[in-house]
Amino acid sequence: MADKSEKQDMAWRAIGGLLGLITAWSAKKVIGFAWEKSTGKKPPADSESPDISLGEAIGYAVVMGVGMQVAQIVVARSARRRYDAWKSLKGAAKDVTG
């Protein structure tokens, strides 16, 4: 039978997975919008297309990769801090109520 810490770990995994999906979707939209505003062109949909220059394909890949990773790190760290704080508050309330 799963103990309490295993259940909390499963809860964190579920929350983390959901946040990962939301963060990836949001970051892709924001980076795509920023790319369009800064270059005046839509983000390349197919980096292997001969209509897209090699420099543009590589530039977009670098911007997207770095942007996605930074977004994932920031969201994961702040979510983990909030989850740990919520967990400790929940534990403290349980200690008080007995």
Foldseek 3Di string as FASTA:
>chain_A
DDDPVVVLVVVLVVVLVVVLVVLLVVLVVVLQVVCCVVVVDGQDPDLPDPVDDVVSSVVSVVSSVVSSVVSSVVSSVVVVVVSVVVVVVVVVVVVVVD
